[in-house]
Amino acid sequence: MNPQKLENLIGVPVEKDNSGTRLVASAGETMGEIVGSVQRVSQMIGEISAASTEQSEGIGQVNVAVSELDQMTQQNAALVEQAAAAAQSLQDQAGNLEKLVHTFKVESA
């Protein structure tokens, strides 16, 4: 066999081997980048989850405050009704008293 042919026969697999090595190295780098991206996405998901939890707690606090305001409004409405009833009662009593006072006759001095 001719040494040139032998060198060509050996050179082609060596070149292919070097090309394969470069491809494997490139694939390794790409996989490393993918792993890094997945870690960043995972971190973002964790941050979103934490923010959602905080938001949920805030909404819960708002709900409690709204419930308390509703309860106070109902209590105020009941007090207004009681005050109106008391005012009506006082007006009725004043009218009765006025009638009673008119029944008395006072002599002039």
C-alpha atoms as a PDB file:
ATOM      1  CA  MET A   1       0.000   0.000   0.000  1.00  0.00           C
ATOM      2  CA  ASN A   2       1.176   3.421  -0.910  1.00  0.00           C
ATOM      3  CA  PRO A   3       2.212   5.562   2.095  1.00  0.00           C
ATOM      4  CA  GLN A   4       0.185   8.468   0.731  1.00  0.00           C
ATOM      5  CA  LYS A   5      -2.968   6.336   0.588  1.00  0.00           C
ATOM      6  CA  LEU A   6      -2.232   4.998   4.033  1.00  0.00           C
ATOM      7  CA  GLU A   7      -1.852   8.529   5.329  1.00  0.00           C
ATOM      8  CA  ASN A   8      -5.128   9.540   3.648  1.00  0.00           C
ATOM      9  CA  LEU A   9      -6.894   6.501   5.097  1.00  0.00           C
ATOM     10  CA  ILE A  10      -5.661   7.377   8.576  1.00  0.00           C
ATOM     11  CA  GLY A  11      -6.189  11.148   8.167  1.00  0.00           C
ATOM     12  CA  VAL A  12      -9.874  10.910   7.279  1.00  0.00           C
ATOM     13  CA  PRO A  13     -10.881   9.061  10.473  1.00  0.00           C
ATOM     14  CA  VAL A  14      -8.660  11.378  12.536  1.00  0.00           C
ATOM     15  CA  GLU A  15     -10.352  14.404  10.978  1.00  0.00           C
ATOM     16  CA  LYS A  16     -13.763  12.853  11.590  1.00  0.00           C
ATOM     17  CA  ASP A  17     -12.720  12.068  15.147  1.00  0.00           C
ATOM     18  CA  ASN A  18     -11.612  15.686  15.695  1.00  0.00           C
ATOM     19  CA  SER A  19     -14.872  16.911  14.156  1.00  0.00           C
ATOM     20  CA  GLY A  20     -16.836  14.565  16.426  1.00  0.00           C
ATOM     21  CA  THR A  21     -14.895  15.787  19.443  1.00  0.00           C
ATOM     22  CA  ARG A  22     -15.723  19.388  18.534  1.00  0.00           C
ATOM     23  CA  LEU A  23     -19.412  18.457  18.114  1.00  0.00           C
ATOM     24  CA  VAL A  24     -19.445  16.703  21.498  1.00  0.00           C
ATOM     25  CA  ALA A  25     -17.796  19.716  23.133  1.00  0.00           C
ATOM     26  CA  SER A  26     -20.297  22.041  21.464  1.00  0.00           C
ATOM     27  CA  ALA A  27     -23.186  19.817  22.571  1.00  0.00           C
ATOM     28  CA  GLY A  28     -21.791  19.873  26.120  1.00  0.00           C
ATOM     29  CA  GLU A  29     -21.650  23.671  26.102  1.00  0.00           C
ATOM     30  CA  THR A  30     -25.188  23.849  24.732  1.00  0.00           C
ATOM     31  CA  MET A  31     -26.445  21.455  27.397  1.00  0.00           C
ATOM     32  CA  GLY A  32     -24.713  23.565  30.041  1.00  0.00           C
ATOM     33  CA  GLU A  33     -26.499  26.645  28.719  1.00  0.00           C
ATOM     34  CA  ILE A  34     -29.813  24.756  28.771  1.00  0.00           C
ATOM     35  CA  VAL A  35     -29.235  23.691  32.379  1.00  0.00           C
ATOM     36  CA  GLY A  36     -28.446  27.308  33.298  1.00  0.00           C
ATOM     37  CA  SER A  37     -31.605  28.497  31.559  1.00  0.00           C
ATOM     38  CA  VAL A  38     -33.709  25.882  33.342  1.00  0.00           C
ATOM     39  CA  GLN A  39     -32.239  26.997  36.670  1.00  0.00           C
ATOM     40  CA  ARG A  40     -33.079  30.643  35.908  1.00  0.00           C
ATOM     41  CA  VAL A  41     -36.636  29.696  34.901  1.00  0.00           C
ATOM     42  CA  SER A  42     -36.973  27.644  38.086  1.00  0.00           C
ATOM     43  CA  GLN A  43     -35.796  30.630  40.134  1.00  0.00           C
ATOM     44  CA  MET A  44     -38.309  32.899  38.353  1.00  0.00           C
ATOM     45  CA  ILE A  45     -41.112  30.421  39.063  1.00  0.00           C
ATOM     46  CA  GLY A  46     -40.119  30.459  42.733  1.00  0.00           C
ATOM     47  CA  GLU A  47     -40.227  34.267  42.767  1.00  0.00           C
ATOM     48  CA  ILE A  48     -43.628  34.271  41.059  1.00  0.00           C
ATOM     49  CA  SER A  49     -44.905  31.756  43.602  1.00  0.00           C
ATOM     50  CA  ALA A  50     -43.658  33.881  46.502  1.00  0.00           C
ATOM     51  CA  ALA A  51     -45.249  37.003  44.987  1.00  0.00           C
ATOM     52  CA  SER A  52     -48.533  35.136  44.495  1.00  0.00           C
ATOM     53  CA  THR A  53     -48.498  34.054  48.138  1.00  0.00           C
ATOM     54  CA  GLU A  54     -47.913  37.657  49.270  1.00  0.00           C
ATOM     55  CA  GLN A  55     -50.684  38.873  46.989  1.00  0.00           C
ATOM     56  CA  SER A  56     -53.063  36.245  48.327  1.00  0.00           C
ATOM     57  CA  GLU A  57     -52.289  37.273  51.908  1.00  0.00           C
ATOM     58  CA  GLY A  58     -52.879  40.925  50.985  1.00  0.00           C
ATOM     59  CA  ILE A  59     -56.235  40.081  49.422  1.00  0.00           C
ATOM     60  CA  GLY A  60     -57.147  38.159  52.575  1.00  0.00           C
ATOM     61  CA  GLN A  61     -56.361  41.217  54.698  1.00  0.00           C
ATOM     62  CA  VAL A  62     -58.465  43.414  52.410  1.00  0.00           C
ATOM     63  CA  ASN A  63     -61.351  40.937  52.728  1.00  0.00           C
ATOM     64  CA  VAL A  64     -61.126  41.094  56.530  1.00  0.00           C
ATOM     65  CA  ALA A  65     -61.113  44.906  56.437  1.00  0.00           C
ATOM     66  CA  VAL A  66     -64.124  44.997  54.097  1.00  0.00           C
ATOM     67  CA  SER A  67     -65.996  42.578  56.382  1.00  0.00           C
ATOM     68  CA  GLU A  68     -65.250  44.784  59.386  1.00  0.00           C
ATOM     69  CA  LEU A  69     -66.428  47.879  57.498  1.00  0.00           C
ATOM     70  CA  ASP A  70     -69.631  46.074  56.525  1.00  0.00           C
ATOM     71  CA  GLN A  71     -70.246  45.089  60.133  1.00  0.00           C
ATOM     72  CA  MET A  72     -69.671  48.679  61.309  1.00  0.00           C
ATOM     73  CA  THR A  73     -72.015  49.991  58.613  1.00  0.00           C
ATOM     74  CA  GLN A  74     -74.728  47.585  59.752  1.00  0.00           C
ATOM     75  CA  GLN A  75     -74.214  48.638  63.371  1.00  0.00           C
ATOM     76  CA  ASN A  76     -74.414  52.309  62.378  1.00  0.00           C
ATOM     77  CA  ALA A  77     -77.638  51.647  60.443  1.00  0.00           C
ATOM     78  CA  ALA A  78     -79.128  49.959  63.512  1.00  0.00           C
ATOM     79  CA  LEU A  79     -78.106  52.909  65.695  1.00  0.00           C
ATOM     80  CA  VAL A  80     -79.694  55.341  63.228  1.00  0.00           C
ATOM     81  CA  GLU A  81     -82.924  53.330  63.359  1.00  0.00           C
ATOM     82  CA  GLN A  82     -82.854  53.364  67.159  1.00  0.00           C
ATOM     83  CA  ALA A  83     -82.174  57.121  67.213  1.00  0.00           C
ATOM     84  CA  ALA A  84     -85.054  57.731  64.793  1.00  0.00           C
ATOM     85  CA  ALA A  85     -87.389  55.615  66.942  1.00  0.00           C
ATOM     86  CA  ALA A  86     -86.281  57.496  70.081  1.00  0.00           C
ATOM     87  CA  ALA A  87     -86.847  60.849  68.347  1.00  0.00           C
ATOM     88  CA  GLN A  88     -90.325  59.760  67.264  1.00  0.00           C
ATOM     89  CA  SER A  89     -91.079  58.600  70.809  1.00  0.00           C
ATOM     90  CA  LEU A  90     -89.908  61.949  72.227  1.00  0.00           C
ATOM     91  CA  GLN A  91     -92.055  63.791  69.705  1.00  0.00           C
ATOM     92  CA  ASP A  92     -95.080  61.686  70.675  1.00  0.00           C
ATOM     93  CA  GLN A  93     -94.436  62.286  74.367  1.00  0.00           C
ATOM     94  CA  ALA A  94     -94.053  66.041  73.773  1.00  0.00           C
ATOM     95  CA  GLY A  95     -97.386  66.063  71.953  1.00  0.00           C
ATOM     96  CA  ASN A  96     -99.052  64.210  74.830  1.00  0.00           C
ATOM     97  CA  LEU A  97     -97.526  66.567  77.352  1.00  0.00           C
ATOM     98  CA  GLU A  98     -98.758  69.555  75.396  1.00  0.00           C
ATOM     99  CA  LYS A  99    -102.306  68.123  75.463  1.00  0.00           C
ATOM    100  CA  LEU A 100    -102.073  67.543  79.191  1.00  0.00           C
ATOM    101  CA  VAL A 101    -100.820  71.053  79.847  1.00  0.00           C
ATOM    102  CA  HIS A 102    -103.758  72.523  77.904  1.00  0.00           C
ATOM    103  CA  THR A 103    -106.210  70.738  80.163  1.00  0.00           C
ATOM    104  CA  PHE A 104    -104.999  72.763  83.129  1.00  0.00           C
ATOM    105  CA  LYS A 105    -106.614  76.123  83.613  1.00  0.00           C
ATOM    106  CA  VAL A 106    -104.538  78.717  85.285  1.00  0.00           C
ATOM    107  CA  GLU A 107    -106.279  81.656  86.921  1.00  0.00           C
ATOM    108  CA  SER A 108    -104.980  85.114  86.307  1.00  0.00           C
ATOM    109  CA  ALA A 109    -103.552  86.856  89.302  1.00  0.00           C
END
